[in-house]
Every structure is written in structure tokens, then in C-alpha cells.
Amino acid sequence: MSDEASATPSPSETGAQPTGAVLVGVVAGQSPRVVKEAARYAKAFGVPLLVVNVDVTRFVAYEDPDGSVQTAAIDLAAVGRESEVKQVTDETSAALEGCDVEWSLRWLVGDPALAMKKLADEVRARLIVVGTRKQGLGESIREFFTGSVAVRLAHRQTRPVLVVPTGQLLDDDQDFEG
């Protein structure tokens, strides 16, 4: 659940751990509002923004004593993530264009809540920002099996978790279903 090596360095990546950063979880196709809101908090706190994408199709097989991570795919026939990595990188760059905050990208593997919790501990993050999930049957099934990332983060660590609404709002009397 540590970071996986990335062939795509971010524009401001310095190699150093961004201590005290605001950590934001992103997925491809997500509303740019999540990253922009996280950047607002990072700027207000005067800390870097650490943008995180978690590959849920891979898991940590083992960690070497030097901290390097060996991963394995859940589905050994899974296609590489190059297009998703490029999409996340492009969307993040576009969302943060003109934003005066230092930021970097990290690629993690495994369970999103646990991976982000571990990274937040490592960098002593000030805040974790995530977006609400999309509506739809596929997302409802995923959440049924894995649970809400925001809820799981809130119950497994001590940092504040900011949940940014990203989709269509529901009426107060409407159930959330796919």
C-alpha cells in the first residue's frame, strides 16, 4: 500500500516527502472540483498538495526492507494502467493550472482507504480530501463490497477528512441508489 513507482513524474515532484501536505484522492474522470477544493486548503495551510491515485486492481505482494514495493495484479490478465495514469495526470494538471500551490502526484496500490491512510501517516498530512462517489449500479455494487472510502478513512485514522460533493445532488427524501 505504499507508493508504486511511476513513469510519469509530476510537474513539481522534487523527490522529497511533502511533510504536512493536504492529501487528495483522485480517480480518472472525477470532477475537478475535488482537486481544486483540496488546493484551496493546501494554499490556506501553506503546505503542498499531494494528489493520490490508487490502483485497486493491484495489491502489495511484499515490501522490501529498503521500502520498495513489489506488487501483483489481482487479475493477471489485466491491461496496463498507462491510459488511466495519463488521464489522471492530464486532468490534475488542467484543474490546477494557474493555481499557486506546490503539488505532486503519487500512485498507490491496493485498498484506497488503507493506502491513503498509510501515506497520510508517512507524510503527516494535515487533511485528507476525497470526492463523493458517482451514482450508478457499478458504483453501488463496488461500495456494497468495499464500503465508502470517506467513511472508512474517517473511522481508521485521526486526520480530518473532507468529502467534496461531485455529482448530482439528491433531494432530502430521496434514497441513494444506482
Protein backbone atom coordinates (compact mmCIF):
# COMPACT_ATOMS: atom_id res chain seq x y z
CA MET A 1 0.00 0.00 0.00
CA SER A 2 3.00 2.26 -0.32
CA ASP A 3 3.53 4.16 -3.48
CA GLU A 4 4.19 2.31 -6.69
CA ALA A 5 6.95 3.60 -8.94
CA SER A 6 5.58 5.90 -11.60
CA ALA A 7 6.99 6.51 -15.04
CA THR A 8 5.12 9.83 -15.10
CA PRO A 9 6.71 12.37 -12.75
CA SER A 10 4.54 15.30 -11.76
CA PRO A 11 5.41 18.88 -12.70
CA SER A 12 6.56 19.80 -9.20
CA GLU A 13 7.90 16.48 -7.95
CA THR A 14 11.12 17.05 -6.04
CA GLY A 15 11.64 13.56 -4.66
CA ALA A 16 11.21 14.77 -1.08
CA GLN A 17 8.26 13.77 1.08
CA PRO A 18 5.80 16.70 1.24
CA THR A 19 5.53 16.83 5.06
CA GLY A 20 2.28 18.25 6.36
CA ALA A 21 0.66 18.14 2.92
CA VAL A 22 -3.02 18.11 2.11
CA LEU A 23 -3.67 14.70 0.55
CA VAL A 24 -6.38 14.36 -2.11
CA GLY A 25 -7.61 11.08 -3.58
CA VAL A 26 -8.48 11.21 -7.28
CA VAL A 27 -9.82 8.86 -9.93
CA ALA A 28 -9.93 9.26 -13.70
CA GLY A 29 -12.95 11.22 -14.87
CA GLN A 30 -13.60 12.75 -11.46
CA SER A 31 -14.91 16.28 -11.13
CA PRO A 32 -12.03 18.81 -10.99
CA ARG A 33 -13.86 20.37 -8.04
CA VAL A 34 -12.24 17.84 -5.67
CA VAL A 35 -8.66 18.77 -6.61
CA LYS A 36 -9.46 22.49 -6.68
CA GLU A 37 -11.03 22.35 -3.21
CA ALA A 38 -8.01 20.43 -1.86
CA ALA A 39 -5.69 23.03 -3.44
CA ARG A 40 -7.62 25.81 -1.65
CA TYR A 41 -6.96 24.14 1.69
CA ALA A 42 -3.30 23.45 0.87
CA LYS A 43 -2.84 27.11 -0.03
CA ALA A 44 -4.64 28.27 3.12
CA PHE A 45 -2.46 25.99 5.28
CA GLY A 46 0.70 26.97 3.38
CA VAL A 47 1.52 23.32 2.62
CA PRO A 48 2.00 21.27 -0.56
CA LEU A 49 -0.81 19.31 -2.21
CA LEU A 50 -0.28 15.57 -2.62
CA VAL A 51 -2.57 14.15 -5.33
CA VAL A 52 -3.07 10.39 -4.95
CA ASN A 53 -4.49 7.76 -7.30
CA VAL A 54 -4.90 4.19 -6.06
CA ASP A 55 -4.84 1.23 -8.43
CA VAL A 56 -7.40 -1.14 -6.94
CA THR A 57 -6.55 -3.83 -9.49
CA ARG A 58 -3.15 -4.39 -7.86
CA PHE A 59 -2.12 -5.26 -4.34
CA VAL A 60 1.11 -5.10 -2.38
CA ALA A 61 2.73 -8.54 -2.61
CA TYR A 62 5.54 -7.53 -0.23
CA GLU A 63 7.70 -4.61 0.80
CA ASP A 64 11.47 -4.88 0.65
CA PRO A 65 13.45 -3.76 3.72
CA ASP A 66 14.54 -0.66 1.78
CA GLY A 67 10.88 0.35 1.41
CA SER A 68 10.46 -0.54 -2.26
CA VAL A 69 7.16 -2.22 -3.06
CA GLN A 70 6.56 -5.33 -5.11
CA THR A 71 3.02 -5.51 -6.48
CA ALA A 72 0.92 -8.10 -8.24
CA ALA A 73 -2.25 -7.77 -10.27
CA ILE A 74 -5.48 -9.19 -8.91
CA ASP A 75 -6.39 -10.18 -12.46
CA LEU A 76 -3.18 -11.42 -14.07
CA ALA A 77 -4.68 -10.68 -17.50
CA ALA A 78 -5.33 -7.04 -16.56
CA VAL A 79 -4.29 -4.44 -19.10
CA GLY A 80 -1.74 -1.82 -18.03
CA ARG A 81 -2.81 1.47 -16.50
CA GLU A 82 -0.96 3.77 -18.89
CA SER A 83 -4.12 5.42 -20.24
CA GLU A 84 -5.58 5.94 -16.74
CA VAL A 85 -2.28 7.35 -15.46
CA LYS A 86 -2.17 9.78 -18.40
CA GLN A 87 -5.82 10.77 -17.90
CA VAL A 88 -5.35 11.43 -14.16
CA THR A 89 -2.16 13.39 -14.85
CA ASP A 90 -3.79 15.50 -17.58
CA GLU A 91 -6.96 16.15 -15.56
CA THR A 92 -4.98 17.12 -12.46
CA SER A 93 -2.70 19.44 -14.45
CA ALA A 94 -5.73 21.12 -16.05
CA ALA A 95 -7.56 21.50 -12.71
CA LEU A 96 -4.51 23.06 -11.04
CA GLU A 97 -3.49 25.30 -13.95
CA GLY A 98 -2.81 28.78 -12.62
CA CYS A 99 -3.12 27.59 -9.04
CA ASP A 100 -0.29 28.87 -6.89
CA VAL A 101 0.29 25.74 -4.79
CA GLU A 102 3.12 23.23 -4.87
CA TRP A 103 1.79 19.80 -5.83
CA SER A 104 2.88 16.31 -6.77
CA LEU A 105 1.29 13.03 -7.83
CA ARG A 106 1.63 9.65 -6.14
CA TRP A 107 0.49 6.28 -7.45
CA LEU A 108 -0.55 3.74 -4.82
CA VAL A 109 -1.92 0.22 -5.00
CA GLY A 110 -4.44 -1.80 -3.01
CA ASP A 111 -7.36 -0.69 -0.89
CA PRO A 112 -7.86 3.09 -1.37
CA ALA A 113 -8.69 3.90 2.27
CA LEU A 114 -5.81 1.89 3.70
CA ALA A 115 -3.31 3.10 1.08
CA MET A 116 -4.21 6.76 1.66
CA LYS A 117 -4.16 6.29 5.45
CA LYS A 118 -0.66 4.83 5.30
CA LEU A 119 0.61 7.62 3.05
CA ALA A 120 -1.07 10.27 5.24
CA ASP A 121 0.80 8.80 8.23
CA GLU A 122 4.10 8.82 6.33
CA VAL A 123 3.81 12.47 5.29
CA ARG A 124 1.95 13.62 8.42
CA ALA A 125 -0.84 15.01 6.25
CA ARG A 126 -2.90 17.89 7.65
CA LEU A 127 -6.10 16.88 5.84
CA ILE A 128 -7.40 14.14 3.53
CA VAL A 129 -9.79 15.22 0.76
CA VAL A 130 -11.97 12.81 -1.25
CA GLY A 131 -14.95 13.23 -3.54
CA THR A 132 -18.33 11.59 -3.31
CA ARG A 133 -18.81 8.56 -5.48
CA LYS A 134 -20.68 8.60 -8.75
CA GLN A 135 -24.24 7.34 -8.91
CA GLY A 136 -24.83 4.12 -10.77
CA LEU A 137 -25.20 0.40 -10.38
CA GLY A 138 -21.48 -0.34 -10.76
CA GLU A 139 -20.54 2.15 -8.05
CA SER A 140 -23.32 0.88 -5.78
CA ILE A 141 -22.02 -2.69 -6.11
CA ARG A 142 -18.43 -1.58 -5.50
CA GLU A 143 -19.43 0.36 -2.40
CA PHE A 144 -21.51 -2.60 -1.14
CA PHE A 145 -18.40 -4.80 -1.16
CA THR A 146 -15.72 -2.28 -0.21
CA GLY A 147 -17.63 0.44 1.64
CA SER A 148 -17.28 4.18 1.31
CA VAL A 149 -13.66 5.32 1.14
CA ALA A 150 -14.54 8.50 3.06
CA VAL A 151 -16.31 6.61 5.85
CA ARG A 152 -13.53 4.03 6.10
CA LEU A 153 -10.92 6.82 6.29
CA ALA A 154 -12.88 8.67 8.96
CA HIS A 155 -13.00 5.54 11.14
CA ARG A 156 -9.39 4.40 10.67
CA GLN A 157 -7.23 7.45 11.35
CA THR A 158 -7.18 10.73 13.27
CA ARG A 159 -6.89 13.32 10.50
CA PRO A 160 -9.86 15.36 9.31
CA VAL A 161 -11.49 14.03 6.14
CA LEU A 162 -13.18 16.49 3.80
CA VAL A 163 -15.76 14.97 1.45
CA VAL A 164 -16.43 17.15 -1.60
CA PRO A 165 -19.77 16.65 -3.39
CA THR A 166 -19.11 15.85 -7.04
CA GLY A 167 -22.31 14.66 -8.62
CA GLN A 168 -25.93 15.47 -8.93
CA LEU A 169 -27.46 16.37 -5.59
CA LEU A 170 -30.31 14.25 -4.25
CA ASP A 171 -33.48 15.53 -2.61
CA ASP A 172 -33.62 15.08 1.16
CA ASP A 173 -36.31 12.40 0.86
CA GLN A 174 -34.60 10.50 -1.98
CA ASP A 175 -32.68 7.27 -1.30
CA PHE A 176 -29.22 6.94 -2.76
CA GLU A 177 -29.40 4.09 -5.26
CA GLY A 178 -27.78 3.27 -8.57
